[in-house]
Amino acid sequence: GIICWTADHSEMLLWSAAAVLFPLFYGTVLAVVTWKFKLAAAQGDIAFLRMWSFIFFRVKPHATWFPFIALMRSWLLVLSIVPTAAMVQCSCLTVLTTAWLSLVIWVFPYVSKLANFMEALQAAAVLQVLAVAPAFIEGV
């Protein structure tokens, strides 16, 4: 086992700090790139557009902010399991998934109609699972 504040514990803290900082760094870079994208497109900055095209090629021009929101959704989904109460977890997941489904249906962000349909279908399927999940939670 690992005892708190020993050498093994300190090493774990270092690795966990790196595991937290990397996604924060990526999210910050993505936020800055998303912020600058429309200006770069308007100015015809081909180098910028080519460098970051892997982020934006799936979405329509009116939804260049969508990849950043998708990343935020992923982070929130991961954080939604932090509470230990199962009903709180289910509630958080239901709120996030409902908001995501609504956003996808409202914006239709993807270039491919099939991708929009599949994203909405996936979110709807998750909501159906979450609707019956409380039946399997003990003590509810």
N, C-alpha and C. Protein backbone atom coordinates (compact mmCIF):
# COMPACT_ATOMS: atom_id res chain seq x y z
N GLY A 1 0.82 -1.19 0.00
CA GLY A 1 0.00 0.00 0.00
C GLY A 1 0.86 1.25 0.00
N ILE A 2 0.21 2.33 -0.22
CA ILE A 2 0.90 3.62 -0.24
C ILE A 2 0.46 4.41 0.98
N ILE A 3 1.42 4.94 1.69
CA ILE A 3 1.16 5.72 2.88
C ILE A 3 1.29 7.20 2.53
N CYS A 4 0.35 7.99 3.01
CA CYS A 4 0.32 9.42 2.68
C CYS A 4 1.62 10.11 3.07
N TRP A 5 2.05 10.99 2.19
CA TRP A 5 3.21 11.86 2.34
C TRP A 5 4.52 11.12 2.46
N THR A 6 4.58 9.91 1.91
CA THR A 6 5.85 9.20 1.77
C THR A 6 6.35 9.46 0.36
N ALA A 7 7.47 8.88 0.00
CA ALA A 7 8.04 9.08 -1.33
C ALA A 7 7.08 8.57 -2.41
N ASP A 8 6.46 7.42 -2.17
CA ASP A 8 5.51 6.87 -3.14
C ASP A 8 4.31 7.80 -3.33
N HIS A 9 3.83 8.35 -2.23
CA HIS A 9 2.68 9.26 -2.29
C HIS A 9 3.05 10.54 -3.03
N SER A 10 4.23 11.06 -2.79
CA SER A 10 4.67 12.28 -3.47
C SER A 10 4.78 12.06 -4.97
N GLU A 11 5.26 10.89 -5.36
CA GLU A 11 5.34 10.57 -6.78
C GLU A 11 3.95 10.51 -7.41
N MET A 12 3.00 9.92 -6.69
CA MET A 12 1.62 9.88 -7.18
C MET A 12 1.05 11.28 -7.33
N LEU A 13 1.33 12.15 -6.38
CA LEU A 13 0.85 13.53 -6.46
C LEU A 13 1.42 14.24 -7.68
N LEU A 14 2.67 13.99 -7.96
CA LEU A 14 3.31 14.61 -9.12
C LEU A 14 2.66 14.15 -10.42
N TRP A 15 2.43 12.85 -10.53
CA TRP A 15 1.79 12.31 -11.74
C TRP A 15 0.34 12.79 -11.87
N SER A 16 -0.36 12.86 -10.76
CA SER A 16 -1.75 13.32 -10.84
C SER A 16 -1.81 14.80 -11.19
N ALA A 17 -0.86 15.60 -10.71
CA ALA A 17 -0.82 17.02 -11.09
C ALA A 17 -0.58 17.16 -12.59
N ALA A 18 0.32 16.34 -13.12
CA ALA A 18 0.57 16.38 -14.57
C ALA A 18 -0.68 15.93 -15.33
N ALA A 19 -1.39 14.94 -14.81
CA ALA A 19 -2.60 14.45 -15.47
C ALA A 19 -3.70 15.50 -15.47
N VAL A 20 -3.72 16.37 -14.47
CA VAL A 20 -4.70 17.45 -14.43
C VAL A 20 -4.26 18.63 -15.29
N LEU A 21 -3.00 18.94 -15.27
CA LEU A 21 -2.50 20.12 -15.99
C LEU A 21 -2.52 19.94 -17.50
N PHE A 22 -2.30 18.74 -18.01
CA PHE A 22 -2.29 18.55 -19.45
C PHE A 22 -3.65 18.87 -20.08
N PRO A 23 -4.75 18.34 -19.57
CA PRO A 23 -6.05 18.72 -20.16
C PRO A 23 -6.35 20.20 -20.01
N LEU A 24 -5.93 20.81 -18.90
CA LEU A 24 -6.14 22.25 -18.74
C LEU A 24 -5.34 23.03 -19.78
N PHE A 25 -4.12 22.60 -20.04
CA PHE A 25 -3.30 23.25 -21.07
C PHE A 25 -3.96 23.10 -22.44
N TYR A 26 -4.41 21.88 -22.76
CA TYR A 26 -5.06 21.64 -24.05
C TYR A 26 -6.33 22.48 -24.17
N GLY A 27 -7.11 22.55 -23.11
CA GLY A 27 -8.34 23.35 -23.13
C GLY A 27 -8.04 24.82 -23.32
N THR A 28 -6.99 25.31 -22.71
CA THR A 28 -6.60 26.72 -22.87
C THR A 28 -6.18 26.99 -24.31
N VAL A 29 -5.38 26.10 -24.88
CA VAL A 29 -4.96 26.26 -26.28
C VAL A 29 -6.18 26.22 -27.19
N LEU A 30 -7.08 25.29 -26.95
CA LEU A 30 -8.28 25.19 -27.77
C LEU A 30 -9.15 26.44 -27.65
N ALA A 31 -9.25 27.01 -26.46
CA ALA A 31 -10.03 28.24 -26.27
C ALA A 31 -9.41 29.40 -27.06
N VAL A 32 -8.10 29.52 -27.01
CA VAL A 32 -7.42 30.60 -27.74
C VAL A 32 -7.57 30.41 -29.24
N VAL A 33 -7.38 29.20 -29.72
CA VAL A 33 -7.51 28.91 -31.15
C VAL A 33 -8.94 29.18 -31.62
N THR A 34 -9.92 28.76 -30.83
CA THR A 34 -11.32 29.01 -31.17
C THR A 34 -11.60 30.51 -31.23
N TRP A 35 -11.04 31.24 -30.28
CA TRP A 35 -11.22 32.69 -30.23
C TRP A 35 -10.64 33.37 -31.48
N LYS A 36 -9.49 32.88 -31.94
CA LYS A 36 -8.79 33.51 -33.07
C LYS A 36 -9.23 32.99 -34.44
N PHE A 37 -10.01 31.93 -34.47
CA PHE A 37 -10.31 31.26 -35.74
C PHE A 37 -11.02 32.16 -36.74
N LYS A 38 -12.08 32.83 -36.34
CA LYS A 38 -12.84 33.65 -37.28
C LYS A 38 -12.00 34.81 -37.82
N LEU A 39 -11.19 35.41 -36.97
CA LEU A 39 -10.32 36.49 -37.42
C LEU A 39 -9.30 35.97 -38.42
N ALA A 40 -8.72 34.82 -38.14
CA ALA A 40 -7.75 34.23 -39.06
C ALA A 40 -8.40 33.90 -40.40
N ALA A 41 -9.64 33.40 -40.36
CA ALA A 41 -10.36 33.09 -41.59
C ALA A 41 -10.66 34.37 -42.37
N ALA A 42 -11.05 35.42 -41.67
CA ALA A 42 -11.36 36.70 -42.33
C ALA A 42 -10.11 37.32 -42.95
N GLN A 43 -8.97 37.14 -42.31
CA GLN A 43 -7.72 37.70 -42.81
C GLN A 43 -7.04 36.79 -43.83
N GLY A 44 -7.56 35.61 -44.03
CA GLY A 44 -6.98 34.68 -44.99
C GLY A 44 -5.66 34.08 -44.51
N ASP A 45 -5.54 33.88 -43.21
CA ASP A 45 -4.31 33.31 -42.63
C ASP A 45 -4.31 31.80 -42.87
N ILE A 46 -3.83 31.41 -44.03
CA ILE A 46 -3.85 30.01 -44.45
C ILE A 46 -3.02 29.12 -43.52
N ALA A 47 -1.88 29.62 -43.07
CA ALA A 47 -1.03 28.81 -42.19
C ALA A 47 -1.78 28.45 -40.89
N PHE A 48 -2.46 29.43 -40.30
CA PHE A 48 -3.23 29.19 -39.08
C PHE A 48 -4.36 28.20 -39.35
N LEU A 49 -5.09 28.42 -40.44
CA LEU A 49 -6.23 27.56 -40.76
C LEU A 49 -5.81 26.13 -41.03
N ARG A 50 -4.70 25.95 -41.71
CA ARG A 50 -4.21 24.58 -41.96
C ARG A 50 -3.71 23.92 -40.69
N MET A 51 -3.03 24.70 -39.84
CA MET A 51 -2.48 24.14 -38.61
C MET A 51 -3.59 23.61 -37.69
N TRP A 52 -4.71 24.31 -37.64
CA TRP A 52 -5.77 23.95 -36.71
C TRP A 52 -6.99 23.34 -37.40
N SER A 53 -6.88 22.99 -38.65
CA SER A 53 -8.03 22.45 -39.38
C SER A 53 -8.55 21.15 -38.78
N PHE A 54 -7.70 20.37 -38.13
CA PHE A 54 -8.14 19.10 -37.55
C PHE A 54 -9.20 19.31 -36.47
N ILE A 55 -9.26 20.51 -35.92
CA ILE A 55 -10.27 20.80 -34.90
C ILE A 55 -11.60 21.21 -35.53
N PHE A 56 -11.53 21.96 -36.62
CA PHE A 56 -12.71 22.62 -37.15
C PHE A 56 -13.30 21.98 -38.41
N PHE A 57 -12.63 21.02 -39.02
CA PHE A 57 -13.12 20.51 -40.31
C PHE A 57 -14.43 19.75 -40.20
N ARG A 58 -14.79 19.28 -39.01
CA ARG A 58 -16.03 18.51 -38.85
C ARG A 58 -17.26 19.40 -38.65
N VAL A 59 -17.04 20.66 -38.28
CA VAL A 59 -18.17 21.52 -37.93
C VAL A 59 -18.42 22.57 -39.00
N LYS A 60 -19.66 23.04 -39.03
CA LYS A 60 -20.06 24.08 -39.98
C LYS A 60 -19.44 25.42 -39.56
N PRO A 61 -19.33 26.34 -40.50
CA PRO A 61 -18.71 27.65 -40.18
C PRO A 61 -19.40 28.41 -39.04
N HIS A 62 -20.70 28.23 -38.87
CA HIS A 62 -21.40 28.94 -37.80
C HIS A 62 -21.18 28.30 -36.43
N ALA A 63 -20.53 27.15 -36.39
CA ALA A 63 -20.36 26.43 -35.13
C ALA A 63 -18.90 26.15 -34.81
N THR A 64 -18.02 27.09 -35.11
CA THR A 64 -16.60 26.86 -34.83
C THR A 64 -16.32 26.79 -33.33
N TRP A 65 -17.23 27.24 -32.51
CA TRP A 65 -17.09 27.17 -31.06
C TRP A 65 -17.44 25.78 -30.53
N PHE A 66 -18.05 24.96 -31.34
CA PHE A 66 -18.58 23.67 -30.88
C PHE A 66 -17.49 22.71 -30.37
N PRO A 67 -16.33 22.59 -31.02
CA PRO A 67 -15.31 21.68 -30.46
C PRO A 67 -14.89 22.05 -29.04
N PHE A 68 -14.84 23.33 -28.74
CA PHE A 68 -14.49 23.75 -27.37
C PHE A 68 -15.59 23.34 -26.40
N ILE A 69 -16.84 23.52 -26.80
CA ILE A 69 -17.96 23.11 -25.95
C ILE A 69 -17.96 21.59 -25.76
N ALA A 70 -17.61 20.86 -26.81
CA ALA A 70 -17.53 19.40 -26.70
C ALA A 70 -16.47 18.98 -25.69
N LEU A 71 -15.35 19.69 -25.68
CA LEU A 71 -14.30 19.40 -24.69
C LEU A 71 -14.80 19.71 -23.28
N MET A 72 -15.48 20.84 -23.12
CA MET A 72 -16.02 21.18 -21.80
C MET A 72 -17.03 20.13 -21.34
N ARG A 73 -17.84 19.65 -22.26
CA ARG A 73 -18.81 18.60 -21.93
C ARG A 73 -18.09 17.34 -21.44
N SER A 74 -17.01 16.97 -22.13
CA SER A 74 -16.26 15.78 -21.72
C SER A 74 -15.71 15.94 -20.31
N TRP A 75 -15.16 17.10 -20.02
CA TRP A 75 -14.64 17.35 -18.68
C TRP A 75 -15.74 17.27 -17.63
N LEU A 76 -16.89 17.88 -17.95
CA LEU A 76 -17.99 17.87 -16.99
C LEU A 76 -18.54 16.46 -16.78
N LEU A 77 -18.55 15.66 -17.84
CA LEU A 77 -18.99 14.27 -17.68
C LEU A 77 -18.06 13.51 -16.74
N VAL A 78 -16.78 13.75 -16.87
CA VAL A 78 -15.82 13.08 -15.98
C VAL A 78 -16.01 13.57 -14.54
N LEU A 79 -16.21 14.87 -14.38
CA LEU A 79 -16.38 15.43 -13.03
C LEU A 79 -17.71 15.03 -12.40
N SER A 80 -18.68 14.64 -13.21
CA SER A 80 -19.99 14.29 -12.67
C SER A 80 -19.97 13.02 -11.83
N ILE A 81 -18.91 12.23 -11.93
CA ILE A 81 -18.84 11.03 -11.10
C ILE A 81 -18.10 11.27 -9.79
N VAL A 82 -17.65 12.51 -9.56
CA VAL A 82 -16.94 12.82 -8.32
C VAL A 82 -17.85 12.69 -7.10
N PRO A 83 -19.09 13.20 -7.16
CA PRO A 83 -19.96 12.98 -5.98
C PRO A 83 -20.16 11.49 -5.75
N THR A 84 -20.19 11.10 -4.51
CA THR A 84 -20.29 9.66 -4.22
C THR A 84 -21.72 9.15 -4.25
N ALA A 85 -22.70 10.03 -4.12
CA ALA A 85 -24.09 9.59 -4.14
C ALA A 85 -24.51 9.27 -5.57
N ALA A 86 -24.99 8.06 -5.78
CA ALA A 86 -25.34 7.60 -7.13
C ALA A 86 -26.44 8.45 -7.76
N MET A 87 -27.43 8.87 -6.97
CA MET A 87 -28.51 9.68 -7.53
C MET A 87 -28.00 11.05 -7.97
N VAL A 88 -27.04 11.59 -7.27
CA VAL A 88 -26.44 12.88 -7.67
C VAL A 88 -25.68 12.70 -8.98
N GLN A 89 -24.97 11.59 -9.09
CA GLN A 89 -24.26 11.29 -10.33
C GLN A 89 -25.25 11.18 -11.50
N CYS A 90 -26.32 10.42 -11.29
CA CYS A 90 -27.33 10.26 -12.35
C CYS A 90 -27.96 11.59 -12.72
N SER A 91 -28.22 12.42 -11.73
CA SER A 91 -28.82 13.73 -11.98
C SER A 91 -27.87 14.62 -12.79
N CYS A 92 -26.60 14.64 -12.40
CA CYS A 92 -25.62 15.44 -13.13
C CYS A 92 -25.51 14.96 -14.58
N LEU A 93 -25.42 13.66 -14.76
CA LEU A 93 -25.32 13.11 -16.11
C LEU A 93 -26.57 13.41 -16.94
N THR A 94 -27.73 13.36 -16.30
CA THR A 94 -28.98 13.65 -17.01
C THR A 94 -29.03 15.11 -17.45
N VAL A 95 -28.66 16.01 -16.57
CA VAL A 95 -28.66 17.44 -16.92
C VAL A 95 -27.68 17.71 -18.05
N LEU A 96 -26.47 17.18 -17.94
CA LEU A 96 -25.46 17.40 -18.99
C LEU A 96 -25.90 16.81 -20.33
N THR A 97 -26.43 15.61 -20.31
CA THR A 97 -26.82 14.95 -21.55
C THR A 97 -28.03 15.63 -22.19
N THR A 98 -28.97 16.09 -21.37
CA THR A 98 -30.12 16.81 -21.90
C THR A 98 -29.69 18.13 -22.54
N ALA A 99 -28.79 18.84 -21.87
CA ALA A 99 -28.27 20.09 -22.44
C ALA A 99 -27.53 19.82 -23.74
N TRP A 100 -26.75 18.75 -23.77
CA TRP A 100 -25.99 18.40 -24.98
C TRP A 100 -26.92 18.04 -26.13
N LEU A 101 -27.93 17.23 -25.85
CA LEU A 101 -28.90 16.85 -26.87
C LEU A 101 -29.62 18.08 -27.42
N SER A 102 -30.02 18.97 -26.53
CA SER A 102 -30.69 20.20 -26.95
C SER A 102 -29.79 21.05 -27.84
N LEU A 103 -28.54 21.16 -27.46
CA LEU A 103 -27.58 21.96 -28.23
C LEU A 103 -27.35 21.36 -29.62
N VAL A 104 -27.18 20.07 -29.68
CA VAL A 104 -26.95 19.40 -30.97
C VAL A 104 -28.17 19.57 -31.89
N ILE A 105 -29.36 19.41 -31.33
CA ILE A 105 -30.57 19.55 -32.14
C ILE A 105 -30.77 21.01 -32.58
N TRP A 106 -30.44 21.94 -31.71
CA TRP A 106 -30.65 23.36 -32.02
C TRP A 106 -29.65 23.87 -33.04
N VAL A 107 -28.38 23.47 -32.92
CA VAL A 107 -27.31 24.03 -33.77
C VAL A 107 -27.03 23.19 -35.00
N PHE A 108 -27.21 21.89 -34.93
CA PHE A 108 -26.76 20.97 -36.00
C PHE A 108 -25.34 21.35 -36.42
N PRO A 109 -24.37 21.15 -35.53
CA PRO A 109 -23.03 21.70 -35.74
C PRO A 109 -22.17 20.98 -36.78
N TYR A 110 -22.43 19.71 -37.01
CA TYR A 110 -21.54 18.94 -37.87
C TYR A 110 -21.86 19.15 -39.34
N VAL A 111 -20.85 19.06 -40.17
CA VAL A 111 -21.03 19.19 -41.62
C VAL A 111 -21.90 18.06 -42.15
N SER A 112 -21.67 16.88 -41.64
CA SER A 112 -22.41 15.69 -42.07
C SER A 112 -23.76 15.62 -41.34
N LYS A 113 -24.83 15.49 -42.11
CA LYS A 113 -26.15 15.32 -41.51
C LYS A 113 -26.20 14.04 -40.69
N LEU A 114 -25.54 13.00 -41.18
CA LEU A 114 -25.52 11.73 -40.46
C LEU A 114 -24.83 11.88 -39.10
N ALA A 115 -23.75 12.66 -39.05
CA ALA A 115 -23.06 12.87 -37.77
C ALA A 115 -23.97 13.58 -36.77
N ASN A 116 -24.72 14.57 -37.24
CA ASN A 116 -25.68 15.25 -36.36
C ASN A 116 -26.73 14.28 -35.84
N PHE A 117 -27.26 13.46 -36.74
CA PHE A 117 -28.27 12.48 -36.36
C PHE A 117 -27.71 11.48 -35.35
N MET A 118 -26.50 10.97 -35.61
CA MET A 118 -25.90 9.97 -34.73
C MET A 118 -25.58 10.56 -33.36
N GLU A 119 -25.12 11.81 -33.34
CA GLU A 119 -24.82 12.47 -32.05
C GLU A 119 -26.09 12.62 -31.22
N ALA A 120 -27.17 13.05 -31.88
CA ALA A 120 -28.45 13.20 -31.17
C ALA A 120 -28.98 11.84 -30.73
N LEU A 121 -28.87 10.84 -31.57
CA LEU A 121 -29.34 9.50 -31.23
C LEU A 121 -28.57 8.92 -30.04
N GLN A 122 -27.26 9.15 -30.04
CA GLN A 122 -26.43 8.66 -28.94
C GLN A 122 -26.84 9.33 -27.63
N ALA A 123 -27.05 10.64 -27.65
CA ALA A 123 -27.45 11.35 -26.44
C ALA A 123 -28.82 10.88 -25.96
N ALA A 124 -29.74 10.65 -26.90
CA ALA A 124 -31.07 10.17 -26.54
C ALA A 124 -30.99 8.77 -25.92
N ALA A 125 -30.12 7.93 -26.44
CA ALA A 125 -29.95 6.58 -25.89
C ALA A 125 -29.38 6.64 -24.47
N VAL A 126 -28.43 7.53 -24.25
CA VAL A 126 -27.86 7.69 -22.91
C VAL A 126 -28.94 8.17 -21.95
N LEU A 127 -29.80 9.09 -22.40
CA LEU A 127 -30.89 9.57 -21.54
C LEU A 127 -31.85 8.44 -21.18
N GLN A 128 -32.09 7.54 -22.11
CA GLN A 128 -32.97 6.40 -21.81
C GLN A 128 -32.34 5.50 -20.74
N VAL A 129 -31.05 5.27 -20.85
CA VAL A 129 -30.36 4.47 -19.83
C VAL A 129 -30.42 5.18 -18.48
N LEU A 130 -30.18 6.49 -18.50
CA LEU A 130 -30.22 7.26 -17.24
C LEU A 130 -31.62 7.29 -16.64
N ALA A 131 -32.65 7.18 -17.48
CA ALA A 131 -34.01 7.19 -16.98
C ALA A 131 -34.32 5.95 -16.15
N VAL A 132 -33.72 4.82 -16.51
CA VAL A 132 -33.98 3.58 -15.76
C VAL A 132 -32.90 3.30 -14.72
N ALA A 133 -31.83 4.04 -14.74
CA ALA A 133 -30.72 3.80 -13.80
C ALA A 133 -31.14 3.84 -12.34
N PRO A 134 -31.99 4.78 -11.91
CA PRO A 134 -32.37 4.78 -10.48
C PRO A 134 -33.01 3.49 -10.00
N ALA A 135 -33.60 2.73 -10.90
CA ALA A 135 -34.20 1.45 -10.49
C ALA A 135 -33.15 0.45 -10.03
N PHE A 136 -31.91 0.67 -10.43
CA PHE A 136 -30.84 -0.26 -10.08
C PHE A 136 -29.95 0.26 -8.96
N ILE A 137 -30.31 1.40 -8.40
CA ILE A 137 -29.53 1.97 -7.30
C ILE A 137 -30.13 1.50 -5.98
N GLU A 138 -29.32 0.92 -5.15
CA GLU A 138 -29.80 0.41 -3.86
C GLU A 138 -30.14 1.57 -2.94
N GLY A 139 -31.22 1.43 -2.20
CA GLY A 139 -31.60 2.44 -1.22
C GLY A 139 -32.39 3.60 -1.77
N VAL A 140 -32.83 3.50 -3.03
CA VAL A 140 -33.61 4.61 -3.61
C VAL A 140 -35.07 4.23 -3.61
